[in-house]
Protein backbone atom coordinates (compact mmCIF):
# COMPACT_ATOMS: atom_id res chain seq x y z
CA MET A 1 1.15 1.10 -0.66
CA GLY A 2 3.15 -2.05 -0.53
CA LEU A 3 1.82 -5.40 -2.10
CA ALA A 4 -0.52 -6.29 0.71
CA VAL A 5 -3.56 -6.34 -1.56
CA PHE A 6 -5.47 -9.58 -1.87
CA THR A 7 -8.08 -10.65 -4.35
CA LEU A 8 -11.81 -11.02 -4.12
CA ALA A 9 -12.05 -14.01 -6.41
CA CYS A 10 -9.31 -15.93 -4.60
CA ALA A 11 -10.95 -15.26 -1.28
CA LEU A 12 -14.32 -16.41 -2.52
CA ARG A 13 -12.80 -19.54 -3.99
CA CYS A 14 -11.04 -20.33 -0.74
CA ALA A 15 -14.28 -19.85 1.13
CA ALA A 16 -16.08 -22.22 -1.20
CA GLN A 17 -13.43 -24.86 -0.72
CA GLU A 18 -13.16 -24.49 3.04
CA PRO A 19 -16.34 -23.07 4.61
CA THR A 20 -15.92 -21.44 7.98
CA ALA A 21 -19.43 -22.21 9.23
CA THR A 22 -18.45 -25.56 10.75
CA PRO A 23 -18.68 -26.80 14.34
CA ASN A 24 -16.03 -25.08 16.43
CA PRO A 25 -13.07 -27.51 16.52
CA SER A 26 -11.41 -25.55 19.31
CA PRO A 27 -14.05 -24.53 21.86
CA SER A 28 -11.40 -23.45 24.36
CA ALA A 29 -9.81 -20.89 22.05
CA TYR A 30 -11.95 -18.07 23.49
CA SER A 31 -13.93 -17.65 26.64
CA ALA A 32 -17.67 -17.02 26.43
CA GLN A 33 -16.99 -13.52 27.75
CA THR A 34 -14.51 -12.81 24.94
CA LEU A 35 -16.95 -13.99 22.28
CA GLY A 36 -19.59 -11.68 23.66
CA GLU A 37 -17.14 -8.78 23.70
CA LEU A 38 -16.20 -9.44 20.08
CA LYS A 39 -19.84 -9.00 19.07
CA LYS A 40 -20.01 -5.74 21.00
CA LEU A 41 -16.89 -4.49 19.24
CA GLN A 42 -18.33 -5.38 15.86
CA GLN A 43 -21.59 -3.55 16.45
CA ALA A 44 -19.85 -0.52 17.88
CA ALA A 45 -17.48 -0.31 14.90
CA LEU A 46 -20.33 -0.48 12.40
CA THR A 47 -22.12 2.47 13.99
CA SER A 48 -19.11 4.71 14.74
CA ASP A 49 -17.72 7.47 12.51
CA TYR A 50 -14.44 7.78 14.44
CA ALA A 51 -12.35 6.08 11.73
CA TYR A 52 -13.87 8.24 9.00
CA ARG A 53 -13.18 11.41 10.95
CA GLN A 54 -9.55 10.37 11.39
CA VAL A 55 -8.93 9.61 7.73
CA ALA A 56 -10.75 12.82 6.77
CA HIS A 57 -8.36 14.85 8.90
CA LEU A 58 -5.28 13.06 7.56
CA SER A 59 -6.31 13.46 3.93
CA ASN A 60 -8.16 16.79 3.91
CA ASN A 61 -6.63 18.80 6.75
CA ILE A 62 -3.05 17.56 6.46
CA GLY A 63 -2.97 16.36 2.84
CA PRO A 64 -0.24 14.52 0.93
CA ARG A 65 2.32 13.01 3.30
CA LEU A 66 5.39 12.09 1.28
CA THR A 67 8.28 10.92 3.46
CA GLY A 68 10.42 13.83 4.63
CA SER A 69 7.73 16.44 4.00
CA ALA A 70 6.24 18.93 6.45
CA GLN A 71 2.89 17.17 6.04
CA ALA A 72 4.39 13.82 7.04
CA GLN A 73 5.75 15.40 10.22
CA LYS A 74 2.39 17.07 10.91
CA ALA A 75 0.70 13.67 10.56
CA VAL A 76 3.13 12.14 13.05
CA GLU A 77 2.30 14.83 15.58
CA TYR A 78 -1.44 14.54 14.96
CA VAL A 79 -1.66 10.76 15.36
CA ALA A 80 0.55 10.83 18.45
CA THR A 81 -1.75 13.41 20.04
CA GLU A 82 -4.87 11.43 19.15
CA LEU A 83 -3.50 8.18 20.57
CA LYS A 84 -2.52 9.95 23.79
CA ALA A 85 -6.07 11.30 24.00
CA LEU A 86 -7.30 7.70 23.89
CA GLY A 87 -5.18 6.91 26.94
CA LEU A 88 -2.49 4.91 25.16
CA GLU A 89 1.18 4.94 26.11
CA VAL A 90 2.71 6.67 23.08
CA GLN A 91 6.26 6.77 21.80
CA LEU A 92 7.85 8.08 18.62
CA GLU A 93 10.36 5.69 17.12
CA LYS A 94 13.04 7.54 15.15
CA VAL A 95 13.35 6.49 11.51
CA THR A 96 15.91 7.78 9.02
CA VAL A 97 14.14 8.26 5.71
CA GLN A 98 15.03 9.38 2.23
CA HIS A 99 13.76 12.80 1.17
CA TRP A 100 12.88 12.96 -2.50
CA VAL A 101 11.01 15.96 -3.94
CA ARG A 102 9.11 15.76 -7.23
CA GLY A 103 9.68 19.09 -8.95
CA GLU A 104 8.48 20.03 -12.43
CA GLU A 105 7.42 17.36 -14.93
CA THR A 106 6.43 18.05 -18.52
CA ALA A 107 6.66 16.25 -21.84
CA ALA A 108 5.58 16.84 -25.43
CA LEU A 109 5.95 15.15 -28.78
CA VAL A 110 7.93 17.53 -30.96
CA GLU A 111 8.22 15.33 -34.03
CA TYR A 112 5.91 12.57 -35.26
CA PRO A 113 4.32 11.35 -38.50
CA GLY A 114 1.59 13.62 -39.86
CA MET A 115 2.10 16.46 -37.42
CA ALA A 116 0.98 19.97 -38.29
CA GLU A 117 3.81 22.44 -38.75
CA LYS A 118 5.00 24.26 -35.61
CA THR A 119 2.83 22.21 -33.24
CA THR A 120 3.44 19.69 -30.47
CA GLN A 121 1.35 17.13 -28.59
CA LYS A 122 1.32 17.26 -24.80
CA ILE A 123 2.11 14.02 -22.96
CA ILE A 124 0.76 13.57 -19.42
CA LEU A 125 3.25 11.92 -17.11
CA THR A 126 4.65 11.93 -13.60
CA ALA A 127 8.11 11.15 -12.30
CA LEU A 128 8.61 7.82 -10.60
CA GLY A 129 9.69 7.98 -6.98
CA GLY A 130 13.46 8.27 -6.71
CA SER A 131 13.88 9.37 -10.32
CA VAL A 132 16.89 11.49 -11.21
CA ALA A 133 16.42 14.72 -13.11
CA THR A 134 16.86 15.47 -16.78
CA PRO A 135 19.27 18.26 -17.72
CA ALA A 136 17.95 21.60 -16.48
CA THR A 137 16.72 22.50 -19.96
CA GLY A 138 15.24 19.04 -20.53
CA LEU A 139 16.21 16.53 -23.18
CA ILE A 140 14.95 15.74 -26.66
CA ALA A 141 15.27 12.21 -28.02
CA GLU A 142 13.54 9.66 -30.18
CA VAL A 143 11.08 7.36 -28.40
CA ILE A 144 11.08 3.62 -29.04
CA VAL A 145 8.28 1.43 -27.78
CA VAL A 146 8.66 -2.08 -26.34
CA ARG A 147 6.02 -4.28 -24.80
CA ASN A 148 8.24 -6.14 -22.34
CA PHE A 149 11.80 -6.83 -21.24
CA ASP A 150 12.34 -9.55 -23.84
CA GLU A 151 11.43 -7.15 -26.64
CA LEU A 152 13.88 -4.59 -25.25
CA GLN A 153 16.69 -7.12 -25.21
CA SER A 154 15.94 -8.21 -28.77
CA LEU A 155 16.62 -4.65 -30.00
CA GLY A 156 20.14 -4.57 -28.64
CA ARG A 157 22.26 -1.59 -27.65
CA GLU A 158 22.59 -0.25 -31.19
CA LYS A 159 18.86 0.50 -31.46
CA VAL A 160 18.39 1.65 -27.85
CA ALA A 161 21.38 3.88 -27.10
CA GLY A 162 20.48 7.57 -27.00
CA LYS A 163 16.72 6.87 -27.09
CA ILE A 164 13.84 7.24 -24.66
CA VAL A 165 12.35 3.80 -24.08
CA LEU A 166 8.61 3.48 -23.44
CA PHE A 167 7.59 0.20 -21.83
CA ASP A 168 4.02 -0.36 -22.97
CA TYR A 169 3.08 -3.23 -20.67
CA HIS A 170 -0.66 -3.23 -20.03
CA PHE A 171 -2.17 -3.59 -16.57
CA ASP A 172 -4.66 -6.45 -16.87
CA LYS A 173 -7.97 -4.68 -16.26
CA LEU A 174 -10.04 -7.82 -16.86
CA MET A 175 -8.04 -9.70 -14.25
CA ALA A 176 -8.60 -6.87 -11.77
CA ALA A 177 -12.32 -6.71 -12.55
CA GLN A 178 -12.58 -10.39 -11.64
CA GLY A 179 -11.22 -9.61 -8.18
CA HIS A 180 -7.54 -10.27 -8.93
CA GLY A 181 -6.30 -6.68 -8.65
CA GLY A 182 -3.31 -7.71 -6.58
CA GLU A 183 -2.14 -10.21 -9.17
CA ALA A 184 -2.60 -7.73 -12.02
CA TYR A 185 -0.60 -5.16 -10.06
CA GLY A 186 2.14 -7.67 -9.31
CA GLN A 187 2.56 -8.50 -13.00
CA ALA A 188 2.82 -4.87 -14.12
CA VAL A 189 4.67 -3.24 -11.24
CA LYS A 190 7.98 -4.93 -12.08
CA TYR A 191 8.21 -2.56 -15.06
CA ARG A 192 7.87 0.44 -12.77
CA SER A 193 10.66 -0.85 -10.55
CA ASP A 194 13.06 -2.46 -13.05
CA ALA A 195 12.49 -0.82 -16.45
CA PRO A 196 14.69 2.27 -15.98
CA SER A 197 17.80 0.23 -15.20
CA ALA A 198 17.01 -2.30 -17.93
CA ALA A 199 16.86 0.55 -20.46
CA ALA A 200 19.97 2.23 -19.04
CA LYS A 201 22.01 -0.95 -19.50
CA LEU A 202 21.49 -0.57 -23.25
CA GLY A 203 22.31 3.13 -23.29
CA ALA A 204 18.85 4.73 -23.12
CA VAL A 205 18.72 8.35 -21.94
CA ALA A 206 15.33 8.04 -20.19
CA ALA A 207 12.66 5.43 -19.45
CA LEU A 208 8.89 5.74 -19.47
CA VAL A 209 6.43 3.12 -18.26
CA ARG A 210 2.75 2.75 -18.98
CA SER A 211 0.97 3.61 -15.72
CA VAL A 212 0.35 0.67 -13.42
CA GLY A 213 -3.37 1.06 -12.85
CA GLY A 214 -6.79 0.01 -13.97
CA ALA A 215 -8.69 3.13 -15.01
CA GLU A 216 -7.89 5.17 -18.09
CA TYR A 217 -8.86 8.68 -17.07
CA ARG A 218 -5.55 10.12 -18.34
CA LEU A 219 -4.23 9.83 -14.79
CA PRO A 220 -0.56 8.96 -14.35
CA HIS A 221 0.24 6.53 -11.52
CA THR A 222 3.45 7.18 -9.62
CA GLY A 223 5.37 4.74 -7.41
CA GLN A 224 8.92 3.93 -6.48
CA THR A 225 11.49 2.82 -9.00
CA ASP A 226 14.49 0.66 -8.09
CA TYR A 227 17.75 1.63 -9.72
CA ALA A 228 20.35 -1.11 -10.10
CA LYS A 229 23.70 -0.24 -8.55
CA ASP A 230 25.81 -1.24 -11.55
CA VAL A 231 24.23 0.97 -14.24
CA PRO A 232 23.73 4.72 -14.71
CA LYS A 233 20.58 6.28 -13.30
CA ILE A 234 18.36 7.77 -16.00
CA PRO A 235 15.21 9.89 -15.68
CA ALA A 236 12.11 7.74 -15.18
CA ALA A 237 8.42 8.56 -15.40
CA ALA A 238 5.00 6.95 -15.77
CA VAL A 239 2.81 8.07 -18.68
CA THR A 240 -0.94 7.73 -18.82
CA ALA A 241 -2.40 4.73 -20.61
CA GLU A 242 -3.87 7.03 -23.25
CA ASP A 243 -0.52 8.65 -23.99
CA ALA A 244 1.23 5.29 -24.09
CA ASP A 245 -1.37 4.24 -26.67
CA LEU A 246 -0.73 7.42 -28.62
CA VAL A 247 3.02 6.90 -28.87
CA ALA A 248 2.58 3.19 -29.62
CA PHE A 249 0.24 4.14 -32.48
CA LEU A 250 2.60 6.71 -33.98
CA ALA A 251 5.92 4.90 -33.63
CA PRO A 252 5.35 2.27 -36.36
CA GLU A 253 4.59 5.09 -38.83
CA GLY A 254 7.91 6.88 -38.41
CA PRO A 255 10.23 8.59 -35.94
CA VAL A 256 8.67 10.02 -32.78
CA ARG A 257 10.71 12.54 -30.80
CA MET A 258 9.87 13.80 -27.32
CA ARG A 259 10.95 16.75 -25.24
CA LEU A 260 11.11 15.62 -21.59
CA LEU A 261 11.71 17.74 -18.50
CA LEU A 262 11.87 16.29 -14.98
CA THR A 263 13.36 18.25 -12.09
CA PRO A 264 13.14 16.01 -9.00
CA GLN A 265 15.70 16.34 -6.21
CA GLN A 266 17.13 13.76 -3.84
CA LEU A 267 17.72 15.78 -0.68
CA PRO A 268 19.76 14.61 2.32
CA ASP A 269 18.12 11.91 4.42
CA ALA A 270 15.64 13.20 6.98
CA VAL A 271 14.50 12.16 10.43
CA SER A 272 10.92 10.95 10.82
CA TYR A 273 9.04 8.60 13.12
CA ASN A 274 6.86 5.57 13.54
CA VAL A 275 4.02 6.46 15.90
CA ILE A 276 3.50 3.67 18.44
CA GLY A 277 0.67 3.55 20.98
CA ASP A 278 0.18 0.76 23.52
CA LEU A 279 -2.97 -0.32 25.30
CA LYS A 280 -1.38 -2.50 27.95
CA GLY A 281 -2.58 -6.07 28.38
CA THR A 282 -4.03 -7.18 31.71
CA GLU A 283 -2.52 -10.68 31.88
CA HIS A 284 0.35 -10.79 29.39
CA PRO A 285 1.44 -7.17 28.90
CA GLU A 286 4.80 -8.30 27.53
CA GLN A 287 3.06 -10.00 24.58
CA VAL A 288 2.13 -7.69 21.71
CA VAL A 289 -0.59 -7.72 19.07
CA ILE A 290 0.07 -5.06 16.42
CA VAL A 291 -2.61 -3.27 14.41
CA SER A 292 -1.21 -0.88 11.83
CA GLY A 293 -1.28 1.14 8.64
CA HIS A 294 1.28 3.44 7.02
CA LEU A 295 1.16 7.16 7.62
CA ASP A 296 3.15 8.34 4.61
CA SER A 297 1.60 8.68 1.16
CA TRP A 298 2.55 9.72 -2.32
CA ASP A 299 2.33 13.42 -3.10
CA LEU A 300 -0.09 13.48 -6.05
CA GLY A 301 -3.29 12.83 -4.08
CA THR A 302 -4.08 13.13 -0.38
CA GLY A 303 -3.41 9.54 0.64
CA ALA A 304 -6.94 8.66 1.71
CA ILE A 305 -7.11 5.06 0.50
CA ASP A 306 -3.33 4.58 0.54
CA ASP A 307 -3.09 4.56 3.45
CA GLY A 308 -4.92 7.01 5.66
CA ALA A 309 -7.68 4.42 5.84
CA GLY A 310 -5.32 1.82 7.29
CA VAL A 311 -4.10 4.18 9.99
CA ALA A 312 -7.66 5.25 10.83
CA VAL A 313 -9.09 1.74 11.30
CA SER A 314 -6.08 0.82 13.45
CA MET A 315 -6.71 3.83 15.68
CA GLN A 316 -10.36 2.84 15.82
CA ALA A 317 -9.49 -0.56 17.28
CA ALA A 318 -7.97 1.10 20.34
CA ASN A 319 -10.69 3.73 20.52
CA LEU A 320 -13.47 1.12 20.62
CA MET A 321 -11.79 -0.95 23.29
CA GLN A 322 -11.43 2.13 25.44
CA GLN A 323 -15.00 3.30 24.77
CA LEU A 324 -16.40 -0.12 25.69
CA HIS A 325 -14.03 -0.49 28.67
CA LEU A 326 -12.58 -3.70 27.23
CA ARG A 327 -9.06 -4.53 28.33
CA PRO A 328 -7.17 -7.04 26.19
CA LYS A 329 -5.15 -9.72 27.94
CA ARG A 330 -2.19 -9.00 25.67
CA THR A 331 -0.96 -5.52 24.78
CA LEU A 332 -2.63 -3.95 21.76
CA ARG A 333 -0.02 -1.92 19.89
CA VAL A 334 -1.22 0.61 17.32
CA ILE A 335 1.49 1.58 14.84
CA ALA A 336 1.38 4.27 12.15
CA TRP A 337 4.36 3.33 10.00
CA MET A 338 6.55 5.84 8.21
CA ASN A 339 8.09 5.38 4.73
CA GLU A 340 6.20 2.42 3.32
CA GLU A 341 5.89 4.01 -0.10
CA ASN A 342 9.53 4.69 -0.91
CA GLY A 343 11.80 2.63 1.28
CA THR A 344 9.89 0.73 4.04
CA ALA A 345 12.35 2.18 6.55
CA GLY A 346 9.68 2.25 9.27
CA GLY A 347 9.00 -1.47 9.24
CA LYS A 348 12.67 -2.34 8.93
CA THR A 349 13.65 -0.02 11.78
CA TYR A 350 10.99 -1.43 14.09
CA ALA A 351 12.03 -5.02 13.42
CA ARG A 352 15.66 -4.14 14.04
CA GLU A 353 14.95 -2.20 17.24
CA ASN A 354 12.71 -4.97 18.59
CA GLU A 355 14.84 -7.91 17.49
CA LYS A 356 15.20 -9.25 21.03
CA GLU A 357 11.43 -9.07 21.56
CA ILE A 358 10.30 -10.94 18.44
CA ALA A 359 9.24 -13.95 20.50
CA ASN A 360 6.85 -11.70 22.44
CA HIS A 361 5.20 -10.41 19.27
CA PHE A 362 2.10 -12.59 19.30
CA ALA A 363 0.66 -11.31 16.00
CA ALA A 364 0.92 -8.38 13.58
CA MET A 365 -1.90 -6.97 11.47
CA GLU A 366 -1.66 -4.40 8.68
CA THR A 367 -4.34 -2.70 6.60
CA ASP A 368 -2.93 -1.36 3.33
CA GLY A 369 -5.39 -2.27 0.61
CA GLY A 370 -7.72 0.70 0.57
CA ALA A 371 -11.14 0.92 2.16
CA GLY A 372 -13.27 -1.37 0.02
CA HIS A 373 -15.82 -3.76 1.52
CA PRO A 374 -13.96 -6.41 3.54
CA LEU A 375 -14.72 -10.08 2.99
CA GLY A 376 -12.71 -11.63 5.79
CA ILE A 377 -9.21 -12.18 7.11
CA ASN A 378 -5.94 -13.12 5.49
CA PHE A 379 -3.80 -15.02 7.97
CA GLY A 380 -0.13 -15.86 7.67
CA SER A 381 0.25 -18.22 10.58
CA LYS A 382 0.41 -21.94 9.80
CA PRO A 383 -2.70 -23.31 8.04
CA GLU A 384 -3.76 -25.11 11.21
CA ALA A 385 -4.44 -21.69 12.76
CA ARG A 386 -7.67 -21.71 10.75
CA ALA A 387 -9.38 -23.67 13.51
CA LEU A 388 -8.52 -20.96 16.04
CA LEU A 389 -9.93 -18.24 13.80
CA GLU A 390 -13.22 -19.87 12.83
CA PRO A 391 -15.15 -18.51 15.85
CA VAL A 392 -13.98 -15.02 14.85
CA ALA A 393 -15.01 -15.58 11.24
CA ARG A 394 -18.50 -16.62 12.32
CA ILE A 395 -18.93 -13.31 14.13
CA LEU A 396 -17.59 -11.31 11.19
CA GLN A 397 -19.93 -13.14 8.83
CA ASP A 398 -22.72 -10.90 10.13
CA SER A 399 -21.12 -8.04 8.17
CA GLY A 400 -20.15 -10.18 5.19
CA ALA A 401 -16.54 -10.67 6.29
CA GLY A 402 -16.46 -14.33 7.28
CA ILE A 403 -13.85 -15.65 4.82
CA LEU A 404 -10.57 -17.05 6.08
CA ASN A 405 -7.73 -17.11 3.57
CA PHE A 406 -4.20 -18.39 4.15
CA SER A 407 -1.66 -15.94 2.73
CA GLU A 408 2.05 -15.67 3.35
CA HIS A 409 2.18 -11.91 2.69
CA ALA A 410 0.09 -9.71 4.96
CA GLY A 411 1.76 -6.33 4.57
CA ALA A 412 4.96 -4.56 3.52
CA ASP A 413 5.61 -2.92 6.89
CA ILE A 414 5.07 -6.07 8.94
CA ASP A 415 6.98 -8.20 6.45
CA PRO A 416 10.26 -7.96 8.43
CA LEU A 417 8.35 -9.38 11.43
CA THR A 418 6.52 -12.13 9.60
CA LYS A 419 9.78 -13.27 8.03
CA GLN A 420 10.97 -13.92 11.58
CA GLY A 421 7.93 -16.02 12.39
CA VAL A 422 5.43 -13.50 13.74
CA PRO A 423 1.97 -14.51 12.45
CA GLY A 424 0.68 -11.85 10.05
CA PHE A 425 -2.90 -10.77 9.35
CA SER A 426 -4.74 -8.34 7.08
CA PRO A 427 -8.33 -7.72 5.99
CA ILE A 428 -9.40 -9.25 2.68
CA GLN A 429 -10.75 -6.25 0.77
CA ASP A 430 -12.67 -5.81 -2.45
CA ASN A 431 -9.96 -4.29 -4.64
CA ARG A 432 -11.72 -4.35 -8.02
CA THR A 433 -11.52 -0.55 -8.36
CA TYR A 434 -8.64 0.15 -5.95
CA PHE A 435 -6.04 0.41 -8.72
CA HIS A 436 -8.11 3.00 -10.55
CA TYR A 437 -6.88 5.54 -7.99
CA HIS A 438 -3.78 3.95 -6.46
CA HIS A 439 -0.77 6.33 -6.48
CA THR A 440 -2.65 9.01 -8.45
CA ALA A 441 -3.98 12.50 -7.87
CA ALA A 442 -7.40 10.89 -7.45
CA ASP A 443 -6.51 9.17 -4.16
CA THR A 444 -8.78 11.49 -2.20
CA LEU A 445 -11.36 11.21 0.58
CA ASP A 446 -14.36 10.91 -1.75
CA LYS A 447 -13.13 7.46 -2.80
CA ILE A 448 -13.93 6.15 0.68
CA VAL A 449 -17.45 4.90 1.41
CA PRO A 450 -17.96 5.61 5.13
CA HIS A 451 -19.93 2.41 5.79
CA GLU A 452 -17.31 0.27 4.09
CA LEU A 453 -14.59 1.94 6.13
CA ALA A 454 -16.61 1.11 9.27
CA GLU A 455 -16.82 -2.51 8.08
CA ASN A 456 -13.04 -2.58 7.81
CA ALA A 457 -12.74 -1.12 11.28
CA ALA A 458 -14.97 -3.91 12.57
CA VAL A 459 -12.76 -6.57 11.00
CA VAL A 460 -9.60 -5.02 12.46
CA ALA A 461 -10.99 -4.42 15.93
CA VAL A 462 -12.63 -7.84 16.24
CA THR A 463 -9.60 -9.71 14.92
CA ALA A 464 -7.14 -7.76 17.05
CA TYR A 465 -9.13 -8.24 20.25
CA ALA A 466 -9.61 -11.93 19.50
CA LEU A 467 -5.87 -12.40 19.03
CA ALA A 468 -5.14 -10.42 22.18
CA ASN A 469 -7.49 -12.67 24.18
CA LEU A 470 -6.76 -16.00 22.52
CA GLU A 471 -6.46 -18.68 25.19
CA GLN A 472 -3.61 -20.53 23.46
CA PRO A 473 -0.58 -19.66 21.31
CA LEU A 474 -0.82 -19.26 17.57
CA PRO A 475 1.16 -21.84 15.60
CA ARG A 476 4.30 -20.34 14.06
C-alpha cells in the first residue's frame, strides 16, 4: 500500500465543521435521472457479493502477488478475463518492474547479559523490500539501539561502524486508535525507508527497524526501503515490536550480539502489466473517470486488504453499471495497477503513456486503505468542488458515508495524475485496526468484513457514476 490512508477522527472533525446536509447549492450538477440512478447503484452494491467473491479469488485462489512473481502474472490474467466478461474494452499496459525475491531470513541473539551457556534467543524479523543479502553464511555483530535519527547521529561513526543498528521508533498506537492511523504510519515509516542508509553512512553492517504497525502479535511488518545512491547498501529488516523491546531491554546491561542471515535476491527487471478496462461513455467517451486499486501485494500474506479489496470494489463499479444497464456519459476506466508496493511503476507508466490525454482525465479514484467501514469521500479537487459533491454525500449518508473531506493525496498510483491537475478521490475508511495487519502475514481474507466491503463498493460505484455524469467540469 502507498500512503493513501486517511483518518477517522480527521474526517469526523471535518464533517462537524462543514456539514454536508445543507440545501443543494448547485441544483444543476446532476439530473434527476442521475440522482435516482445513484440510489439504485448504492442499494445494489450493498446487497451484492460480487466484490467479496473477487477479492476472495485474488487472495485465496491466487495468493501473494509480489511484483514479478508468477502469482502477479496470474492475477493480471484473471482480472483481464473478468473485465472482458463484464463487456469492458480491456487492454494490458506493459510495465517494467523490479523483481526482488525474499529468500531465507533468520536471526538470533548469540551473546547477551545473563544468558544461559550454549543457548541463543530467536529474533523474529523479515527483510525489507529491496534489501541486499548478508554474506551467505550470515553475519555476527554487536547490536546498538537508537530511538531516532538524532540519537544515531549523536553516537558518531566510532560507535556505529561494524555494528548492527536497531531503530526502536515506536508506531503511535494511541494515535491510530483515535482514528489517525495514517498519521501514525507517516511518522514511523520514514525509518523503514531511510534508516538503512542513515546507518550505512556511519559504517553499520546492517540495519533493523521496529515494525511499522499497530498490533504486537510478534508479527513483523515488511515494506520497501529506499537506499541512498551515495552510500553502501547494507542488509535491512523489520523486527517485531516484542523483539525490539527485548533487545532494547538487554542492551543497557551489556553487549548484545546477533547472528543475522538474509538471502534476498534482486533479479533482472521483469515485464508486467496494468490491467485497464473501459466502459465507454455515451456523450463524452473521450473523457475518463478512473476507478482503481493495485493488484500487486507483499509476499508475506495474501494481499486481501492491501489491496485486493481496492481492485475488487473497482471491478464492482463496472459490474453494477452493467447489471443495472446504466451507461455513464463519460468513460468509466477500471485500472488494476501493478507495482504500487515496491516502485509505483504502474502509476508512473500510465501517466507517462497518457501524457497527451491528461486534459481528458476528468477524475481519478483509488481505493488503497483496506476494507474498513467507509465514512465518506476524500476529494483532491479545489475546495469549491465540495458544492458539486454534496448531493452525492447526501445519498451516501444512508450507509454512513456522507462525509466530505478535502485531501491533497488520494492515492500513490494516481499521484502522478493528480500532480498534473487531475482531481483525485478516495473513500474515507475506518483505519483504526488496518495497521495491525498491514504488510504482514496476517493480511488475509478473514480480515475483510463482507458487509463493510460492500459499503466501500457502494461509495466507489456511486462516486464514480456521479463524476461520470456530472453536468459541469470539476474545478482543477
